[in-house]
PDB file of N, CA and C in Angstrom:
ATOM      1  N   MET A   1       0.792  -1.270   0.064  1.00  0.00           N
ATOM      2  CA  MET A   1       0.005  -0.027  -0.021  1.00  0.00           C
ATOM      3  C   MET A   1       0.920   1.216  -0.022  1.00  0.00           C
ATOM      4  N   ALA A   2       0.537   2.139  -0.930  1.00  0.00           N
ATOM      5  CA  ALA A   2       1.323   3.469  -0.975  1.00  0.00           C
ATOM      6  C   ALA A   2       1.105   4.306   0.255  1.00  0.00           C
ATOM      7  N   ARG A   3       2.126   4.901   0.655  1.00  0.00           N
ATOM      8  CA  ARG A   3       1.986   5.832   1.896  1.00  0.00           C
ATOM      9  C   ARG A   3       2.592   7.195   1.406  1.00  0.00           C
ATOM     10  N   LYS A   4       2.135   8.252   2.022  1.00  0.00           N
ATOM     11  CA  LYS A   4       2.477   9.618   1.756  1.00  0.00           C
ATOM     12  C   LYS A   4       3.978   9.835   2.270  1.00  0.00           C
ATOM     13  N   PHE A   5       4.760  10.642   1.527  1.00  0.00           N
ATOM     14  CA  PHE A   5       6.064  10.860   1.934  1.00  0.00           C
ATOM     15  C   PHE A   5       6.142  11.484   3.325  1.00  0.00           C
ATOM     16  N   SER A   6       5.208  12.293   3.574  1.00  0.00           N
ATOM     17  CA  SER A   6       5.158  13.014   4.886  1.00  0.00           C
ATOM     18  C   SER A   6       4.991  12.050   6.060  1.00  0.00           C
ATOM     19  N   GLU A   7       4.306  10.919   5.828  1.00  0.00           N
ATOM     20  CA  GLU A   7       4.177   9.792   6.811  1.00  0.00           C
ATOM     21  C   GLU A   7       5.523   9.200   7.066  1.00  0.00           C
ATOM     22  N   LEU A   8       6.165   8.955   6.025  1.00  0.00           N
ATOM     23  CA  LEU A   8       7.548   8.367   6.153  1.00  0.00           C
ATOM     24  C   LEU A   8       8.527   9.288   6.834  1.00  0.00           C
ATOM     25  N   THR A   9       8.525  10.561   6.502  1.00  0.00           N
ATOM     26  CA  THR A   9       9.564  11.436   7.155  1.00  0.00           C
ATOM     27  C   THR A   9       9.171  11.696   8.567  1.00  0.00           C
ATOM     28  N   SER A  10       7.881  11.691   8.904  1.00  0.00           N
ATOM     29  CA  SER A  10       7.446  11.928  10.268  1.00  0.00           C
ATOM     30  C   SER A  10       8.052  10.864  11.285  1.00  0.00           C
ATOM     31  N   LYS A  11       8.299   9.673  10.800  1.00  0.00           N
ATOM     32  CA  LYS A  11       8.851   8.600  11.591  1.00  0.00           C
ATOM     33  C   LYS A  11      10.394   8.647  11.628  1.00  0.00           C
ATOM     34  N   MET A  12      11.015   9.507  10.857  1.00  0.00           N
ATOM     35  CA  MET A  12      12.456   9.608  10.871  1.00  0.00           C
ATOM     36  C   MET A  12      12.926  10.446  12.054  1.00  0.00           C
ATOM     37  N   SER A  13      14.073  10.213  12.530  1.00  0.00           N
ATOM     38  CA  SER A  13      14.806  10.962  13.552  1.00  0.00           C
ATOM     39  C   SER A  13      15.006  12.370  12.990  1.00  0.00           C
ATOM     40  N   PRO A  14      15.170  13.358  13.832  1.00  0.00           N
ATOM     41  CA  PRO A  14      15.512  14.690  13.315  1.00  0.00           C
ATOM     42  C   PRO A  14      16.870  14.706  12.638  1.00  0.00           C
ATOM     43  N   GLU A  15      17.868  13.967  12.982  1.00  0.00           N
ATOM     44  CA  GLU A  15      19.127  13.833  12.343  1.00  0.00           C
ATOM     45  C   GLU A  15      18.981  13.210  10.922  1.00  0.00           C
ATOM     46  N   ARG A  16      18.114  12.284  10.738  1.00  0.00           N
ATOM     47  CA  ARG A  16      17.826  11.623   9.511  1.00  0.00           C
ATOM     48  C   ARG A  16      17.181  12.630   8.563  1.00  0.00           C
ATOM     49  N   ARG A  17      16.089  13.277   9.041  1.00  0.00           N
ATOM     50  CA  ARG A  17      15.453  14.292   8.293  1.00  0.00           C
ATOM     51  C   ARG A  17      16.447  15.388   7.813  1.00  0.00           C
ATOM     52  N   ALA A  18      17.356  15.823   8.577  1.00  0.00           N
ATOM     53  CA  ALA A  18      18.385  16.793   8.221  1.00  0.00           C
ATOM     54  C   ALA A  18      19.254  16.253   7.149  1.00  0.00           C
ATOM     55  N   ARG A  19      19.669  15.050   7.274  1.00  0.00           N
ATOM     56  CA  ARG A  19      20.513  14.450   6.135  1.00  0.00           C
ATOM     57  C   ARG A  19      19.777  14.384   4.800  1.00  0.00           C
ATOM     58  N   VAL A  20      18.530  13.906   4.979  1.00  0.00           N
ATOM     59  CA  VAL A  20      17.643  13.888   3.800  1.00  0.00           C
ATOM     60  C   VAL A  20      17.495  15.228   3.127  1.00  0.00           C
ATOM     61  N   GLU A  21      17.259  16.277   3.921  1.00  0.00           N
ATOM     62  CA  GLU A  21      17.071  17.658   3.422  1.00  0.00           C
ATOM     63  C   GLU A  21      18.405  18.174   2.782  1.00  0.00           C
ATOM     64  N   ALA A  22      19.455  17.877   3.439  1.00  0.00           N
ATOM     65  CA  ALA A  22      20.881  18.226   2.899  1.00  0.00           C
ATOM     66  C   ALA A  22      21.113  17.588   1.566  1.00  0.00           C
ATOM     67  N   ARG A  23      20.764  16.313   1.481  1.00  0.00           N
ATOM     68  CA  ARG A  23      20.943  15.615   0.191  1.00  0.00           C
ATOM     69  C   ARG A  23      20.056  16.155  -0.855  1.00  0.00           C
ATOM     70  N   THR A  24      18.840  16.472  -0.538  1.00  0.00           N
ATOM     71  CA  THR A  24      17.950  17.008  -1.440  1.00  0.00           C
ATOM     72  C   THR A  24      18.430  18.385  -2.086  1.00  0.00           C
ATOM     73  N   GLN A  25      18.969  19.227  -1.166  1.00  0.00           N
ATOM     74  CA  GLN A  25      19.563  20.500  -1.603  1.00  0.00           C
ATOM     75  C   GLN A  25      20.759  20.318  -2.495  1.00  0.00           C
ATOM     76  N   GLU A  26      21.566  19.383  -2.227  1.00  0.00           N
ATOM     77  CA  GLU A  26      22.813  19.008  -2.990  1.00  0.00           C
ATOM     78  C   GLU A  26      22.319  18.582  -4.441  1.00  0.00           C
ATOM     79  N   MET A  27      21.320  17.722  -4.446  1.00  0.00           N
ATOM     80  CA  MET A  27      20.821  17.350  -5.766  1.00  0.00           C
ATOM     81  C   MET A  27      20.196  18.460  -6.563  1.00  0.00           C
ATOM     82  N   LEU A  28      19.544  19.371  -5.913  1.00  0.00           N
ATOM     83  CA  LEU A  28      18.905  20.480  -6.663  1.00  0.00           C
ATOM     84  C   LEU A  28      20.038  21.445  -7.119  1.00  0.00           C
ATOM     85  N   ALA A  29      21.175  21.583  -6.357  1.00  0.00           N
ATOM     86  CA  ALA A  29      22.261  22.417  -6.709  1.00  0.00           C
ATOM     87  C   ALA A  29      23.015  21.861  -7.884  1.00  0.00           C
ATOM     88  N   GLU A  30      22.994  20.546  -8.164  1.00  0.00           N
ATOM     89  CA  GLU A  30      23.666  19.937  -9.276  1.00  0.00           C
ATOM     90  C   GLU A  30      22.771  19.574 -10.426  1.00  0.00           C
ATOM     91  N   MET A  31      21.758  20.327 -10.623  1.00  0.00           N
ATOM     92  CA  MET A  31      20.769  19.945 -11.637  1.00  0.00           C
ATOM     93  C   MET A  31      21.308  20.209 -13.024  1.00  0.00           C
ATOM     94  N   PRO A  32      21.226  19.278 -13.974  1.00  0.00           N
ATOM     95  CA  PRO A  32      21.557  19.435 -15.346  1.00  0.00           C
ATOM     96  C   PRO A  32      20.775  20.550 -16.050  1.00  0.00           C
ATOM     97  N   LEU A  33      21.205  21.091 -17.053  1.00  0.00           N
ATOM     98  CA  LEU A  33      20.547  22.193 -17.691  1.00  0.00           C
ATOM     99  C   LEU A  33      19.055  21.740 -18.142  1.00  0.00           C
ATOM    100  N   GLN A  34      18.927  20.644 -18.743  1.00  0.00           N
ATOM    101  CA  GLN A  34      17.607  20.187 -19.157  1.00  0.00           C
ATOM    102  C   GLN A  34      16.616  20.155 -18.029  1.00  0.00           C
ATOM    103  N   GLU A  35      17.141  19.609 -16.884  1.00  0.00           N
ATOM    104  CA  GLU A  35      16.196  19.481 -15.688  1.00  0.00           C
ATOM    105  C   GLU A  35      15.996  20.841 -15.069  1.00  0.00           C
ATOM    106  N   LEU A  36      16.854  21.749 -15.220  1.00  0.00           N
ATOM    107  CA  LEU A  36      16.689  23.105 -14.710  1.00  0.00           C
ATOM    108  C   LEU A  36      15.716  23.739 -15.527  1.00  0.00           C
ATOM    109  N   ARG A  37      15.766  23.627 -16.967  1.00  0.00           N
ATOM    110  CA  ARG A  37      14.822  24.291 -17.707  1.00  0.00           C
ATOM    111  C   ARG A  37      13.387  23.764 -17.504  1.00  0.00           C
ATOM    112  N   LYS A  38      13.213  22.449 -17.254  1.00  0.00           N
ATOM    113  CA  LYS A  38      11.988  21.770 -16.957  1.00  0.00           C
ATOM    114  C   LYS A  38      11.462  22.262 -15.597  1.00  0.00           C
ATOM    115  N   ALA A  39      12.354  22.480 -14.596  1.00  0.00           N
ATOM    116  CA  ALA A  39      11.970  22.957 -13.310  1.00  0.00           C
ATOM    117  C   ALA A  39      11.430  24.299 -13.417  1.00  0.00           C
ATOM    118  N   MET A  40      11.947  25.097 -14.363  1.00  0.00           N
ATOM    119  CA  MET A  40      11.515  26.518 -14.665  1.00  0.00           C
ATOM    120  C   MET A  40      10.184  26.507 -15.475  1.00  0.00           C
ATOM    121  N   GLU A  41       9.742  25.335 -15.872  1.00  0.00           N
ATOM    122  CA  GLU A  41       8.473  25.148 -16.660  1.00  0.00           C
ATOM    123  C   GLU A  41       8.588  25.897 -17.989  1.00  0.00           C
ATOM    124  N   MET A  42       9.676  25.682 -18.671  1.00  0.00           N
ATOM    125  CA  MET A  42       9.951  26.197 -19.984  1.00  0.00           C
ATOM    126  C   MET A  42      10.253  25.112 -20.939  1.00  0.00           C
ATOM    127  N   SER A  43       9.675  25.253 -22.110  1.00  0.00           N
ATOM    128  CA  SER A  43       9.963  24.231 -23.169  1.00  0.00           C
ATOM    129  C   SER A  43      11.212  24.555 -23.986  1.00  0.00           C
ATOM    130  N   GLN A  44      11.791  23.644 -24.628  1.00  0.00           N
ATOM    131  CA  GLN A  44      12.896  23.914 -25.511  1.00  0.00           C
ATOM    132  C   GLN A  44      12.431  24.987 -26.654  1.00  0.00           C
ATOM    133  N   GLU A  45      11.256  24.844 -27.175  1.00  0.00           N
ATOM    134  CA  GLU A  45      10.813  25.652 -28.170  1.00  0.00           C
ATOM    135  C   GLU A  45      10.696  27.091 -27.647  1.00  0.00           C
ATOM    136  N   ARG A  46      10.184  27.383 -26.434  1.00  0.00           N
ATOM    137  CA  ARG A  46      10.066  28.743 -25.899  1.00  0.00           C
ATOM    138  C   ARG A  46      11.456  29.270 -25.672  1.00  0.00           C
ATOM    139  N   LEU A  47      12.314  28.465 -25.130  1.00  0.00           N
ATOM    140  CA  LEU A  47      13.717  28.912 -24.856  1.00  0.00           C
ATOM    141  C   LEU A  47      14.339  29.242 -26.110  1.00  0.00           C
ATOM    142  N   SER A  48      14.213  28.482 -27.165  1.00  0.00           N
ATOM    143  CA  SER A  48      14.752  28.778 -28.503  1.00  0.00           C
ATOM    144  C   SER A  48      14.285  30.109 -29.059  1.00  0.00           C
ATOM    145  N   GLU A  49      12.904  30.447 -28.875  1.00  0.00           N
ATOM    146  CA  GLU A  49      12.395  31.745 -29.244  1.00  0.00           C
ATOM    147  C   GLU A  49      13.074  32.870 -28.509  1.00  0.00           C
ATOM    148  N   LEU A  50      13.250  32.661 -27.233  1.00  0.00           N
ATOM    149  CA  LEU A  50      13.915  33.755 -26.426  1.00  0.00           C
ATOM    150  C   LEU A  50      15.362  34.058 -26.806  1.00  0.00           C
ATOM    151  N   LEU A  51      16.063  32.967 -27.181  1.00  0.00           N
ATOM    152  CA  LEU A  51      17.502  33.080 -27.477  1.00  0.00           C
ATOM    153  C   LEU A  51      17.786  33.357 -28.954  1.00  0.00           C
ATOM    154  N   GLY A  52      16.783  33.093 -29.776  1.00  0.00           N
ATOM    155  CA  GLY A  52      16.957  33.255 -31.197  1.00  0.00           C
ATOM    156  C   GLY A  52      17.806  32.079 -31.801  1.00  0.00           C
ATOM    157  N   TRP A  53      17.699  30.961 -31.133  1.00  0.00           N
ATOM    158  CA  TRP A  53      18.427  29.741 -31.625  1.00  0.00           C
ATOM    159  C   TRP A  53      17.394  28.756 -32.183  1.00  0.00           C
ATOM    160  N   THR A  54      17.781  27.747 -32.753  1.00  0.00           N
ATOM    161  CA  THR A  54      16.848  26.615 -33.147  1.00  0.00           C
ATOM    162  C   THR A  54      16.651  25.656 -32.022  1.00  0.00           C
ATOM    163  N   GLN A  55      15.528  24.958 -32.046  1.00  0.00           N
ATOM    164  CA  GLN A  55      15.304  24.057 -30.993  1.00  0.00           C
ATOM    165  C   GLN A  55      16.282  23.022 -30.927  1.00  0.00           C
ATOM    166  N   PRO A  56      16.713  22.432 -32.015  1.00  0.00           N
ATOM    167  CA  PRO A  56      17.864  21.396 -31.967  1.00  0.00           C
ATOM    168  C   PRO A  56      19.170  22.008 -31.236  1.00  0.00           C
ATOM    169  N   SER A  57      19.407  23.333 -31.457  1.00  0.00           N
ATOM    170  CA  SER A  57      20.534  23.958 -30.767  1.00  0.00           C
ATOM    171  C   SER A  57      20.303  23.802 -29.229  1.00  0.00           C
ATOM    172  N   ILE A  58      19.090  24.083 -28.756  1.00  0.00           N
ATOM    173  CA  ILE A  58      18.879  24.011 -27.340  1.00  0.00           C
ATOM    174  C   ILE A  58      19.238  22.502 -26.859  1.00  0.00           C
ATOM    175  N   SER A  59      18.745  21.616 -27.556  1.00  0.00           N
ATOM    176  CA  SER A  59      18.913  20.220 -27.207  1.00  0.00           C
ATOM    177  C   SER A  59      20.378  19.908 -27.141  1.00  0.00           C
ATOM    178  N   LYS A  60      21.082  20.331 -28.152  1.00  0.00           N
ATOM    179  CA  LYS A  60      22.590  20.207 -28.159  1.00  0.00           C
ATOM    180  C   LYS A  60      23.313  20.691 -26.960  1.00  0.00           C
ATOM    181  N   VAL A  61      22.967  21.994 -26.687  1.00  0.00           N
ATOM    182  CA  VAL A  61      23.488  22.683 -25.500  1.00  0.00           C
ATOM    183  C   VAL A  61      23.229  21.852 -24.246  1.00  0.00           C
ATOM    184  N   GLU A  62      22.022  21.501 -24.078  1.00  0.00           N
ATOM    185  CA  GLU A  62      21.596  20.682 -22.931  1.00  0.00           C
ATOM    186  C   GLU A  62      22.429  19.412 -22.693  1.00  0.00           C
ATOM    187  N   HIS A  63      22.862  18.815 -23.792  1.00  0.00           N
ATOM    188  CA  HIS A  63      23.560  17.564 -23.601  1.00  0.00           C
ATOM    189  C   HIS A  63      25.137  17.709 -23.783  1.00  0.00           C
ATOM    190  N   GLN A  64      25.591  18.908 -24.023  1.00  0.00           N
ATOM    191  CA  GLN A  64      27.039  19.102 -24.098  1.00  0.00           C
ATOM    192  C   GLN A  64      27.774  18.996 -22.714  1.00  0.00           C
ATOM    193  N   THR A  65      29.029  18.512 -22.687  1.00  0.00           N
ATOM    194  CA  THR A  65      29.670  18.472 -21.459  1.00  0.00           C
ATOM    195  C   THR A  65      30.725  19.674 -21.418  1.00  0.00           C
ATOM    196  N   ASP A  66      30.882  20.363 -22.525  1.00  0.00           N
ATOM    197  CA  ASP A  66      31.758  21.534 -22.610  1.00  0.00           C
ATOM    198  C   ASP A  66      31.253  22.534 -23.559  1.00  0.00           C
ATOM    199  N   MET A  67      31.224  23.853 -23.119  1.00  0.00           N
ATOM    200  CA  MET A  67      30.600  24.895 -23.953  1.00  0.00           C
ATOM    201  C   MET A  67      31.241  26.198 -23.603  1.00  0.00           C
ATOM    202  N   PHE A  68      31.049  27.168 -24.380  1.00  0.00           N
ATOM    203  CA  PHE A  68      31.447  28.579 -24.095  1.00  0.00           C
ATOM    204  C   PHE A  68      30.647  29.105 -22.900  1.00  0.00           C
ATOM    205  N   VAL A  69      31.380  29.922 -22.108  1.00  0.00           N
ATOM    206  CA  VAL A  69      30.739  30.588 -20.975  1.00  0.00           C
ATOM    207  C   VAL A  69      29.639  31.428 -21.541  1.00  0.00           C
ATOM    208  N   SER A  70      29.817  32.194 -22.535  1.00  0.00           N
ATOM    209  CA  SER A  70      28.788  32.999 -23.073  1.00  0.00           C
ATOM    210  C   SER A  70      27.646  32.236 -23.534  1.00  0.00           C
ATOM    211  N   THR A  71      27.724  31.031 -23.943  1.00  0.00           N
ATOM    212  CA  THR A  71      26.546  30.219 -24.286  1.00  0.00           C
ATOM    213  C   THR A  71      25.759  29.944 -23.101  1.00  0.00           C
ATOM    214  N   LEU A  72      26.555  29.463 -22.063  1.00  0.00           N
ATOM    215  CA  LEU A  72      25.830  29.057 -20.794  1.00  0.00           C
ATOM    216  C   LEU A  72      25.068  30.285 -20.192  1.00  0.00           C
ATOM    217  N   ARG A  73      25.851  31.520 -20.215  1.00  0.00           N
ATOM    218  CA  ARG A  73      25.302  32.730 -19.673  1.00  0.00           C
ATOM    219  C   ARG A  73      23.956  33.071 -20.369  1.00  0.00           C
ATOM    220  N   SER A  74      24.004  32.950 -21.712  1.00  0.00           N
ATOM    221  CA  SER A  74      22.768  33.320 -22.422  1.00  0.00           C
ATOM    222  C   SER A  74      21.647  32.278 -22.098  1.00  0.00           C
ATOM    223  N   TYR A  75      21.877  31.074 -21.890  1.00  0.00           N
ATOM    224  CA  TYR A  75      20.944  30.021 -21.586  1.00  0.00           C
ATOM    225  C   TYR A  75      20.335  30.374 -20.240  1.00  0.00           C
ATOM    226  N   ILE A  76      21.186  30.552 -19.237  1.00  0.00           N
ATOM    227  CA  ILE A  76      20.751  30.911 -17.876  1.00  0.00           C
ATOM    228  C   ILE A  76      19.894  32.252 -17.772  1.00  0.00           C
ATOM    229  N   GLU A  77      20.411  33.227 -18.498  1.00  0.00           N
ATOM    230  CA  GLU A  77      19.627  34.471 -18.540  1.00  0.00           C
ATOM    231  C   GLU A  77      18.219  34.397 -19.171  1.00  0.00           C
ATOM    232  N   ALA A  78      18.195  33.494 -20.188  1.00  0.00           N
ATOM    233  CA  ALA A  78      16.837  33.242 -20.805  1.00  0.00           C
ATOM    234  C   ALA A  78      15.886  32.629 -19.896  1.00  0.00           C
ATOM    235  N   LEU A  79      16.449  31.917 -18.916  1.00  0.00           N
ATOM    236  CA  LEU A  79      15.555  31.140 -17.883  1.00  0.00           C
ATOM    237  C   LEU A  79      15.223  32.206 -16.695  1.00  0.00           C
ATOM    238  N   GLY A  80      15.762  33.455 -16.872  1.00  0.00           N
ATOM    239  CA  GLY A  80      15.467  34.373 -15.851  1.00  0.00           C
ATOM    240  C   GLY A  80      16.515  34.518 -14.774  1.00  0.00           C
ATOM    241  N   GLY A  81      17.628  33.800 -14.954  1.00  0.00           N
ATOM    242  CA  GLY A  81      18.702  33.725 -13.923  1.00  0.00           C
ATOM    243  C   GLY A  81      19.791  34.547 -14.204  1.00  0.00           C
ATOM    244  N   GLU A  82      20.925  34.270 -13.424  1.00  0.00           N
ATOM    245  CA  GLU A  82      22.091  35.002 -13.631  1.00  0.00           C
ATOM    246  C   GLU A  82      23.192  34.039 -13.372  1.00  0.00           C
ATOM    247  N   LEU A  83      24.179  33.954 -14.342  1.00  0.00           N
ATOM    248  CA  LEU A  83      25.291  32.975 -14.198  1.00  0.00           C
ATOM    249  C   LEU A  83      26.371  33.506 -13.236  1.00  0.00           C
ATOM    250  N   GLU A  84      26.786  32.723 -12.308  1.00  0.00           N
ATOM    251  CA  GLU A  84      27.938  33.133 -11.455  1.00  0.00           C
ATOM    252  C   GLU A  84      28.940  32.055 -11.365  1.00  0.00           C
ATOM    253  N   ILE A  85      30.104  32.353 -11.616  1.00  0.00           N
ATOM    254  CA  ILE A  85      31.260  31.391 -11.703  1.00  0.00           C
ATOM    255  C   ILE A  85      32.036  31.523 -10.380  1.00  0.00           C
ATOM    256  N   ARG A  86      32.158  30.505  -9.665  1.00  0.00           N
ATOM    257  CA  ARG A  86      32.707  30.551  -8.359  1.00  0.00           C
ATOM    258  C   ARG A  86      33.869  29.505  -8.246  1.00  0.00           C
ATOM    259  N   ALA A  87      35.038  29.957  -7.779  1.00  0.00           N
ATOM    260  CA  ALA A  87      36.145  29.051  -7.481  1.00  0.00           C
ATOM    261  C   ALA A  87      36.115  28.640  -6.017  1.00  0.00           C
ATOM    262  N   LYS A  88      36.125  27.468  -5.707  1.00  0.00           N
ATOM    263  CA  LYS A  88      36.092  26.897  -4.362  1.00  0.00           C
ATOM    264  C   LYS A  88      37.467  26.620  -4.058  1.00  0.00           C
ATOM    265  N   LEU A  89      38.130  27.382  -3.136  1.00  0.00           N
ATOM    266  CA  LEU A  89      39.584  27.268  -2.834  1.00  0.00           C
ATOM    267  C   LEU A  89      39.665  26.927  -1.351  1.00  0.00           C
ATOM    268  N   PRO A  90      40.794  26.343  -0.904  1.00  0.00           N
ATOM    269  CA  PRO A  90      40.949  26.054   0.603  1.00  0.00           C
ATOM    270  C   PRO A  90      40.797  27.288   1.427  1.00  0.00           C
ATOM    271  N   ALA A  91      41.213  28.420   0.900  1.00  0.00           N
ATOM    272  CA  ALA A  91      41.094  29.637   1.659  1.00  0.00           C
ATOM    273  C   ALA A  91      39.765  30.241   1.684  1.00  0.00           C
ATOM    274  N   GLY A  92      38.839  29.775   0.769  1.00  0.00           N
ATOM    275  CA  GLY A  92      37.467  30.263   0.666  1.00  0.00           C
ATOM    276  C   GLY A  92      37.129  30.428  -0.735  1.00  0.00           C
ATOM    277  N   ASP A  93      35.833  30.780  -0.976  1.00  0.00           N
ATOM    278  CA  ASP A  93      35.226  30.823  -2.286  1.00  0.00           C
ATOM    279  C   ASP A  93      35.584  32.276  -2.887  1.00  0.00           C
ATOM    280  N   VAL A  94      35.673  32.272  -4.187  1.00  0.00           N
ATOM    281  CA  VAL A  94      35.992  33.430  -4.915  1.00  0.00           C
ATOM    282  C   VAL A  94      35.139  33.478  -6.144  1.00  0.00           C
ATOM    283  N   ILE A  95      34.393  34.544  -6.314  1.00  0.00           N
ATOM    284  CA  ILE A  95      33.510  34.746  -7.497  1.00  0.00           C
ATOM    285  C   ILE A  95      34.393  35.346  -8.654  1.00  0.00           C
ATOM    286  N   ILE A  96      34.376  34.629  -9.716  1.00  0.00           N
ATOM    287  CA  ILE A  96      35.189  35.086 -10.956  1.00  0.00           C
ATOM    288  C   ILE A  96      34.465  36.170 -11.724  1.00  0.00           C
ATOM    289  N   LYS A  97      34.956  37.361 -11.804  1.00  0.00           N
ATOM    290  CA  LYS A  97      34.244  38.409 -12.545  1.00  0.00           C
ATOM    291  C   LYS A  97      34.749  38.616 -13.922  1.00  0.00           C
ATOM    292  N   ARG A  98      35.973  38.221 -14.292  1.00  0.00           N
ATOM    293  CA  ARG A  98      36.532  38.396 -15.467  1.00  0.00           C
ATOM    294  C   ARG A  98      35.769  38.161 -16.795  1.00  0.00           C
ATOM    295  N   PHE A  99      34.791  37.177 -16.644  1.00  0.00           N
ATOM    296  CA  PHE A  99      33.933  36.768 -17.773  1.00  0.00           C
ATOM    297  C   PHE A  99      33.015  37.903 -18.188  1.00  0.00           C
ATOM    298  N   ASP A 100      32.596  38.688 -17.311  1.00  0.00           N
ATOM    299  CA  ASP A 100      31.718  39.813 -17.646  1.00  0.00           C
ATOM    300  C   ASP A 100      32.394  40.808 -18.565  1.00  0.00           C
ATOM    301  N   GLU A 101      33.749  41.128 -18.332  1.00  0.00           N
ATOM    302  CA  GLU A 101      34.563  41.933 -19.056  1.00  0.00           C
ATOM    303  C   GLU A 101      34.667  41.366 -20.531  1.00  0.00           C
ATOM    304  N   ILE A 102      34.944  40.069 -20.594  1.00  0.00           N
ATOM    305  CA  ILE A 102      35.088  39.394 -21.836  1.00  0.00           C
ATOM    306  C   ILE A 102      33.878  39.510 -22.653  1.00  0.00           C
ATOM    307  N   GLN A 103      32.733  39.249 -22.045  1.00  0.00           N
ATOM    308  CA  GLN A 103      31.448  39.354 -22.822  1.00  0.00           C
ATOM    309  C   GLN A 103      31.193  40.667 -23.337  1.00  0.00           C
ATOM    310  N   ASP A 104      31.542  41.808 -22.545  1.00  0.00           N
ATOM    311  CA  ASP A 104      31.216  43.116 -22.967  1.00  0.00           C
ATOM    312  C   ASP A 104      32.312  43.744 -23.814  1.00  0.00           C
ATOM    313  N   HIS A 105      33.334  42.975 -24.078  1.00  0.00           N
ATOM    314  CA  HIS A 105      34.485  43.546 -24.839  1.00  0.00           C
ATOM    315  C   HIS A 105      33.979  43.525 -26.369  1.00  0.00           C
ATOM    316  N   PRO A 106      34.363  44.654 -27.092  1.00  0.00           N
ATOM    317  CA  PRO A 106      33.899  44.783 -28.433  1.00  0.00           C
ATOM    318  C   PRO A 106      34.416  43.668 -29.341  1.00  0.00           C
ATOM    319  N   ASP A 107      35.511  43.131 -29.015  1.00  0.00           N
ATOM    320  CA  ASP A 107      36.149  41.993 -29.879  1.00  0.00           C
ATOM    321  C   ASP A 107      35.509  40.658 -29.565  1.00  0.00           C
ATOM    322  N   ALA A 108      34.680  40.533 -28.532  1.00  0.00           N
ATOM    323  CA  ALA A 108      34.111  39.282 -28.152  1.00  0.00           C
ATOM    324  C   ALA A 108      33.158  38.808 -29.301  1.00  0.00           C
ATOM    325  N   GLN A 109      33.240  37.514 -29.610  1.00  0.00           N
ATOM    326  CA  GLN A 109      32.303  36.915 -30.578  1.00  0.00           C
ATOM    327  C   GLN A 109      31.425  35.869 -29.871  1.00  0.00           C
ATOM    328  N   HIS A 110      30.204  35.928 -30.216  1.00  0.00           N
ATOM    329  CA  HIS A 110      29.268  34.932 -29.633  1.00  0.00           C
ATOM    330  C   HIS A 110      28.403  34.471 -30.815  1.00  0.00           C
ATOM    331  N   GLN A 111      28.410  33.067 -31.065  1.00  0.00           N
ATOM    332  CA  GLN A 111      27.660  32.452 -32.113  1.00  0.00           C
ATOM    333  C   GLN A 111      26.832  31.530 -31.570  1.00  0.00           C
ATOM    334  N   GLU A 112      25.634  31.202 -32.304  1.00  0.00           N
ATOM    335  CA  GLU A 112      24.844  30.132 -31.910  1.00  0.00           C
ATOM    336  C   GLU A 112      25.693  28.875 -31.964  1.00  0.00           C
ATOM    337  N   PRO A 113      25.423  27.953 -30.978  1.00  0.00           N
ATOM    338  CA  PRO A 113      26.263  26.727 -30.928  1.00  0.00           C
ATOM    339  C   PRO A 113      26.371  25.953 -32.231  1.00  0.00           C
ATOM    340  N   THR A 114      25.263  25.905 -33.017  1.00  0.00           N
ATOM    341  CA  THR A 114      25.384  25.051 -34.235  1.00  0.00           C
ATOM    342  C   THR A 114      25.921  25.712 -35.502  1.00  0.00           C
ATOM    343  N   ARG A 115      26.379  27.010 -35.372  1.00  0.00           N
ATOM    344  CA  ARG A 115      26.827  27.697 -36.429  1.00  0.00           C
ATOM    345  C   ARG A 115      28.372  27.757 -36.514  1.00  0.00           C
ATOM    346  N   ARG A 116      29.053  26.948 -35.825  1.00  0.00           N
ATOM    347  CA  ARG A 116      30.540  26.915 -35.798  1.00  0.00           C
ATOM    348  C   ARG A 116      30.961  26.418 -37.166  1.00  0.00           C
ATOM    349  N   ARG A 117      32.005  26.943 -37.704  1.00  0.00           N
ATOM    350  CA  ARG A 117      32.535  26.466 -38.982  1.00  0.00           C
ATOM    351  C   ARG A 117      33.293  25.163 -38.811  1.00  0.00           C
ATOM    352  N   ALA A 118      33.152  24.267 -39.867  1.00  0.00           N
ATOM    353  CA  ALA A 118      33.903  23.018 -39.756  1.00  0.00           C
ATOM    354  C   ALA A 118      35.335  23.252 -40.104  1.00  0.00           C
ATOM    355  N   LYS A 119      36.251  22.528 -39.551  1.00  0.00           N
ATOM    356  CA  LYS A 119      37.664  22.635 -39.803  1.00  0.00           C
ATOM    357  C   LYS A 119      37.931  22.205 -41.376  1.00  0.00           C
ATOM    358  N   ALA A 120      38.837  22.836 -41.937  1.00  0.00           N
ATOM    359  CA  ALA A 120      39.181  22.535 -43.431  1.00  0.00           C
ATOM    360  C   ALA A 120      39.775  21.046 -43.356  1.00  0.00           C
ATOM    361  N   GLY A 121      39.169  20.274 -44.301  1.00  0.00           N
ATOM    362  CA  GLY A 121      39.816  18.847 -44.436  1.00  0.00           C
ATOM    363  C   GLY A 121      39.128  17.962 -43.451  1.00  0.00           C
ATOM    364  N   ALA A 122      38.187  18.390 -42.704  1.00  0.00           N
ATOM    365  CA  ALA A 122      37.543  17.455 -41.759  1.00  0.00           C
ATOM    366  C   ALA A 122      36.388  16.835 -42.366  1.00  0.00           C
TER     367      ALA A 122
END
């Protein structure tokens, strides 16, 4: 017989509930882009309209393991967020600001992910 989650947690010790809550927060903090978009209740189609990209480009970005910081920033901002890059060092956390300067620099180039040129001879 199925039981409500609240029934299960009510029987847990306070320490156990605290561990479950901490793990829940960790999982939310490590959410992949696709899950983040879904949590924000936005479709790939709507996000592609906001960014001026194609829907397949959105799918490609969501499954990439490596991308330009400017691409990630655009994606996050289209969801209504703000990208923050943080270095976790033994002496403490440091927010990296240099990327803002790069994005605003007149020589900076930003292209839709699928519009990269193929290498000659490839």
